[in-house]
Amino acid sequence: IKGDFNIGLLGEDKTTYILKLDPKIPQPNVQRLDITVDKKTNLVVKTKTYDMLGNETIINFEGLKINQTVSDDIFKFKILFPN
């Protein structure tokens, strides 16, 4: 992330840090990205993306579970060879 964004602390409260990420190279879809991180778990709990048109996209992450076992049946690995 450090290679693509300039990162700074936008703010904080009792439970979270808000990081401000500005693209080093201007991007049409991402003018700025704010990431809210839980102070206790260090997990991302919210992202807010701003585009060049002034639109905002907010994603809240709830009920996060880490290091959960995933059944092998969920993945189907297929090797494709070019003709």
N, C-alpha and C. Protein backbone atom coordinates (compact mmCIF):
# COMPACT_ATOMS: atom_id res chain seq x y z
N ILE A 1 0.82 -1.19 0.00
CA ILE A 1 0.00 0.00 0.00
C ILE A 1 0.87 1.26 0.00
N LYS A 2 1.99 1.22 0.71
CA LYS A 2 2.85 2.40 0.79
C LYS A 2 3.40 2.80 -0.58
N GLY A 3 3.54 1.84 -1.48
CA GLY A 3 4.03 2.14 -2.81
C GLY A 3 3.02 2.88 -3.67
N ASP A 4 1.73 2.70 -3.37
CA ASP A 4 0.68 3.29 -4.19
C ASP A 4 -0.01 4.50 -3.55
N PHE A 5 0.09 4.63 -2.22
CA PHE A 5 -0.63 5.68 -1.52
C PHE A 5 0.26 6.44 -0.55
N ASN A 6 -0.04 7.73 -0.36
CA ASN A 6 0.49 8.50 0.75
C ASN A 6 -0.50 8.30 1.89
N ILE A 7 -0.01 7.89 3.06
CA ILE A 7 -0.87 7.49 4.17
C ILE A 7 -0.68 8.43 5.34
N GLY A 8 -1.80 8.84 5.93
CA GLY A 8 -1.74 9.69 7.11
C GLY A 8 -2.89 9.37 8.05
N LEU A 9 -2.78 9.84 9.27
CA LEU A 9 -3.83 9.65 10.26
C LEU A 9 -4.83 10.79 10.11
N LEU A 10 -6.07 10.45 9.76
CA LEU A 10 -7.12 11.45 9.58
C LEU A 10 -7.78 11.79 10.91
N GLY A 11 -7.88 10.79 11.79
CA GLY A 11 -8.50 11.02 13.10
C GLY A 11 -8.57 9.72 13.88
N GLU A 12 -9.08 9.84 15.09
CA GLU A 12 -9.27 8.66 15.93
C GLU A 12 -10.30 8.97 16.99
N ASP A 13 -10.89 7.90 17.53
CA ASP A 13 -11.76 8.02 18.69
C ASP A 13 -11.33 6.95 19.69
N LYS A 14 -12.17 6.61 20.64
CA LYS A 14 -11.78 5.65 21.67
C LYS A 14 -11.50 4.26 21.12
N THR A 15 -12.18 3.89 20.03
CA THR A 15 -12.07 2.50 19.55
C THR A 15 -11.42 2.34 18.19
N THR A 16 -11.28 3.44 17.41
CA THR A 16 -10.77 3.28 16.05
C THR A 16 -9.78 4.37 15.66
N TYR A 17 -8.97 4.03 14.65
CA TYR A 17 -8.13 4.99 13.93
C TYR A 17 -8.75 5.15 12.55
N ILE A 18 -8.67 6.33 11.98
CA ILE A 18 -9.08 6.53 10.60
C ILE A 18 -7.85 6.97 9.82
N LEU A 19 -7.49 6.15 8.84
CA LEU A 19 -6.33 6.42 8.00
C LEU A 19 -6.80 7.03 6.69
N LYS A 20 -6.09 8.04 6.22
CA LYS A 20 -6.39 8.68 4.94
C LYS A 20 -5.33 8.24 3.94
N LEU A 21 -5.78 7.67 2.83
CA LEU A 21 -4.87 7.22 1.78
C LEU A 21 -5.13 8.03 0.52
N ASP A 22 -4.11 8.74 0.05
CA ASP A 22 -4.18 9.50 -1.19
C ASP A 22 -3.32 8.80 -2.23
N PRO A 23 -3.88 8.49 -3.41
CA PRO A 23 -3.08 7.84 -4.45
C PRO A 23 -1.88 8.69 -4.86
N LYS A 24 -0.73 8.05 -5.01
CA LYS A 24 0.46 8.76 -5.48
C LYS A 24 0.33 9.12 -6.96
N ILE A 25 -0.35 8.26 -7.70
CA ILE A 25 -0.66 8.52 -9.10
C ILE A 25 -2.17 8.69 -9.19
N PRO A 26 -2.66 9.83 -9.71
CA PRO A 26 -4.11 10.06 -9.77
C PRO A 26 -4.85 8.92 -10.45
N GLN A 27 -5.97 8.54 -9.84
CA GLN A 27 -6.81 7.46 -10.36
C GLN A 27 -8.22 7.99 -10.57
N PRO A 28 -8.89 7.65 -11.68
CA PRO A 28 -10.24 8.16 -11.91
C PRO A 28 -11.27 7.60 -10.91
N ASN A 29 -11.06 6.38 -10.46
CA ASN A 29 -12.04 5.75 -9.58
C ASN A 29 -11.78 6.00 -8.10
N VAL A 30 -10.57 6.41 -7.75
CA VAL A 30 -10.23 6.62 -6.34
C VAL A 30 -9.45 7.92 -6.20
N GLN A 31 -10.14 8.95 -5.71
CA GLN A 31 -9.45 10.20 -5.43
C GLN A 31 -8.83 10.14 -4.04
N ARG A 32 -9.55 9.46 -3.12
CA ARG A 32 -9.07 9.27 -1.76
C ARG A 32 -9.75 8.06 -1.16
N LEU A 33 -9.06 7.40 -0.23
CA LEU A 33 -9.61 6.24 0.45
C LEU A 33 -9.37 6.42 1.94
N ASP A 34 -10.45 6.34 2.73
CA ASP A 34 -10.33 6.37 4.18
C ASP A 34 -10.57 4.96 4.71
N ILE A 35 -9.70 4.51 5.59
CA ILE A 35 -9.83 3.17 6.17
C ILE A 35 -9.94 3.31 7.68
N THR A 36 -11.01 2.77 8.25
CA THR A 36 -11.20 2.79 9.69
C THR A 36 -10.75 1.46 10.26
N VAL A 37 -9.84 1.51 11.24
CA VAL A 37 -9.22 0.31 11.81
C VAL A 37 -9.56 0.23 13.30
N ASP A 38 -10.00 -0.93 13.75
CA ASP A 38 -10.29 -1.16 15.15
C ASP A 38 -8.98 -1.18 15.95
N LYS A 39 -8.91 -0.38 17.02
CA LYS A 39 -7.69 -0.29 17.81
C LYS A 39 -7.36 -1.59 18.53
N LYS A 40 -8.37 -2.33 18.93
CA LYS A 40 -8.13 -3.55 19.69
C LYS A 40 -7.71 -4.72 18.80
N THR A 41 -8.37 -4.89 17.65
CA THR A 41 -8.12 -6.06 16.80
C THR A 41 -7.22 -5.76 15.60
N ASN A 42 -7.04 -4.48 15.28
CA ASN A 42 -6.31 -4.04 14.07
C ASN A 42 -6.98 -4.49 12.79
N LEU A 43 -8.27 -4.80 12.85
CA LEU A 43 -9.01 -5.19 11.65
C LEU A 43 -9.67 -3.96 11.03
N VAL A 44 -9.78 -3.96 9.71
CA VAL A 44 -10.49 -2.89 9.00
C VAL A 44 -11.98 -3.09 9.24
N VAL A 45 -12.64 -2.05 9.76
CA VAL A 45 -14.07 -2.15 10.04
C VAL A 45 -14.90 -1.29 9.09
N LYS A 46 -14.23 -0.39 8.34
CA LYS A 46 -14.98 0.46 7.41
C LYS A 46 -14.02 1.03 6.38
N THR A 47 -14.49 1.14 5.16
CA THR A 47 -13.75 1.86 4.12
C THR A 47 -14.69 2.89 3.49
N LYS A 48 -14.11 4.01 3.11
CA LYS A 48 -14.87 5.06 2.44
C LYS A 48 -14.03 5.53 1.27
N THR A 49 -14.56 5.36 0.06
CA THR A 49 -13.84 5.71 -1.16
C THR A 49 -14.49 6.94 -1.80
N TYR A 50 -13.66 7.88 -2.19
CA TYR A 50 -14.12 9.09 -2.87
C TYR A 50 -13.61 9.03 -4.30
N ASP A 51 -14.51 9.30 -5.28
CA ASP A 51 -14.05 9.32 -6.67
C ASP A 51 -13.96 10.76 -7.17
N MET A 52 -13.50 10.92 -8.41
CA MET A 52 -13.27 12.25 -8.98
C MET A 52 -14.56 13.06 -9.17
N LEU A 53 -15.71 12.38 -9.20
CA LEU A 53 -16.99 13.07 -9.38
C LEU A 53 -17.62 13.48 -8.06
N GLY A 54 -16.93 13.17 -6.94
CA GLY A 54 -17.46 13.53 -5.64
C GLY A 54 -18.34 12.46 -5.00
N ASN A 55 -18.45 11.32 -5.66
CA ASN A 55 -19.24 10.22 -5.09
C ASN A 55 -18.47 9.57 -3.96
N GLU A 56 -19.20 9.04 -2.99
CA GLU A 56 -18.61 8.31 -1.87
C GLU A 56 -19.20 6.91 -1.82
N THR A 57 -18.33 5.93 -1.63
CA THR A 57 -18.77 4.54 -1.44
C THR A 57 -18.30 4.10 -0.08
N ILE A 58 -19.25 3.72 0.78
CA ILE A 58 -18.93 3.30 2.14
C ILE A 58 -19.22 1.82 2.29
N ILE A 59 -18.24 1.09 2.83
CA ILE A 59 -18.41 -0.33 3.12
C ILE A 59 -18.12 -0.54 4.60
N ASN A 60 -19.10 -1.07 5.32
CA ASN A 60 -18.94 -1.41 6.74
C ASN A 60 -18.74 -2.92 6.86
N PHE A 61 -17.75 -3.33 7.61
CA PHE A 61 -17.47 -4.74 7.83
C PHE A 61 -17.95 -5.11 9.23
N GLU A 62 -18.89 -6.06 9.32
CA GLU A 62 -19.45 -6.46 10.60
C GLU A 62 -19.36 -7.97 10.75
N GLY A 63 -19.26 -8.43 11.99
CA GLY A 63 -19.23 -9.86 12.26
C GLY A 63 -18.01 -10.54 11.67
N LEU A 64 -16.89 -9.84 11.66
CA LEU A 64 -15.67 -10.39 11.05
C LEU A 64 -15.17 -11.60 11.84
N LYS A 65 -14.76 -12.61 11.11
CA LYS A 65 -14.16 -13.80 11.71
C LYS A 65 -12.85 -14.04 11.00
N ILE A 66 -11.80 -14.24 11.76
CA ILE A 66 -10.49 -14.47 11.16
C ILE A 66 -10.03 -15.89 11.44
N ASN A 67 -9.16 -16.37 10.57
CA ASN A 67 -8.57 -17.70 10.71
C ASN A 67 -9.61 -18.80 10.84
N GLN A 68 -10.68 -18.70 10.04
CA GLN A 68 -11.71 -19.72 10.02
C GLN A 68 -11.34 -20.81 9.02
N THR A 69 -11.71 -22.01 9.31
CA THR A 69 -11.48 -23.12 8.40
C THR A 69 -12.47 -23.03 7.24
N VAL A 70 -11.95 -23.22 6.03
CA VAL A 70 -12.78 -23.21 4.84
C VAL A 70 -12.69 -24.58 4.20
N SER A 71 -13.84 -25.15 3.89
CA SER A 71 -13.88 -26.47 3.27
C SER A 71 -13.19 -26.45 1.92
N ASP A 72 -12.46 -27.52 1.61
CA ASP A 72 -11.80 -27.64 0.31
C ASP A 72 -12.81 -27.66 -0.83
N ASP A 73 -14.05 -28.06 -0.54
CA ASP A 73 -15.08 -28.15 -1.57
C ASP A 73 -15.46 -26.79 -2.16
N ILE A 74 -15.14 -25.71 -1.46
CA ILE A 74 -15.50 -24.38 -1.93
C ILE A 74 -14.63 -23.95 -3.12
N PHE A 75 -13.47 -24.54 -3.27
CA PHE A 75 -12.56 -24.18 -4.35
C PHE A 75 -12.52 -25.28 -5.41
N LYS A 76 -12.49 -24.86 -6.67
CA LYS A 76 -12.33 -25.79 -7.78
C LYS A 76 -11.14 -25.31 -8.58
N PHE A 77 -10.07 -26.05 -8.52
CA PHE A 77 -8.83 -25.69 -9.18
C PHE A 77 -8.76 -26.41 -10.52
N LYS A 78 -8.59 -25.63 -11.58
CA LYS A 78 -8.54 -26.20 -12.92
C LYS A 78 -7.41 -25.54 -13.68
N ILE A 79 -6.50 -26.33 -14.19
CA ILE A 79 -5.38 -25.80 -14.96
C ILE A 79 -5.79 -25.78 -16.43
N LEU A 80 -5.63 -24.61 -17.04
CA LEU A 80 -5.96 -24.45 -18.46
C LEU A 80 -4.67 -24.22 -19.23
N PHE A 81 -4.50 -24.97 -20.27
CA PHE A 81 -3.34 -24.82 -21.14
C PHE A 81 -3.77 -24.19 -22.43
N PRO A 82 -3.01 -23.21 -22.92
CA PRO A 82 -3.38 -22.62 -24.24
C PRO A 82 -3.21 -23.64 -25.34
N ASN A 83 -4.03 -23.54 -26.34
CA ASN A 83 -3.96 -24.48 -27.49
C ASN A 83 -2.87 -24.13 -28.43
